[in-house]
Amino acid sequence: MKTYIGIDNGSTGSIGIIDHLGKKDFFNIPIHIEQNYTKTKQNITRIDFLEFSNILHEIKTIRCFNYECLALLERPMVNPKRFHATTSALRALESTLIALELHNIAFQYIDSKQWQKQMLPQGIKGSDEQKKASLDMGIRLFPEFKNEIIEHKDADGILIAEWARRNNL
């Protein structure tokens, strides 16, 4: 019996949990915005490590108590042509990895295409269509999180957890 934690990695990501009893949760990865003082003044979005760590601590101690716990972590986008997005994705990944390791939560990477192939309709092209399909499928499969999914604009975290559950990882 396992508890699955689906993590849509990044500062705009989400976390979905499906435990061994069928209890489910879905929420945004906690973030905070701060100024980045480089040559030009700008803001950066970072994972709120303490809040994220507290969430993982609660999952580990309550949802995974005496049961196996596995986090599926979506592999981050790395594209040299999109330097700022890549930097943000890798910064979020490092924070996520440290939090998972701190709480001794086993994890494995998953490519977005791997879970999307099974969880989303065929023939989806482009990021906007994928987000819409994720939102629609998330609401259909997890109507109890309809408001949260609409607010977040996709259901990737919980769809990743459901993919892991269906595939008995």
Foldseek 3Di string as FASTA:
>chain_A
DEKEWFWAFFLLIKIWIQAPVRDIDIAGQAWDKDWDDDVDIDIDIEGPLVVNLVVVLCCCVPRCVVHAYEYEYEDFDADPVPVVSNVRRVRRVVSVVVSCVVSVHHYDYDYPCVLCVPQFDPPQDDDLSSLQRQLVSCCVVPVVCNVRSVVSSGRRNNSRRVSCVVVVD
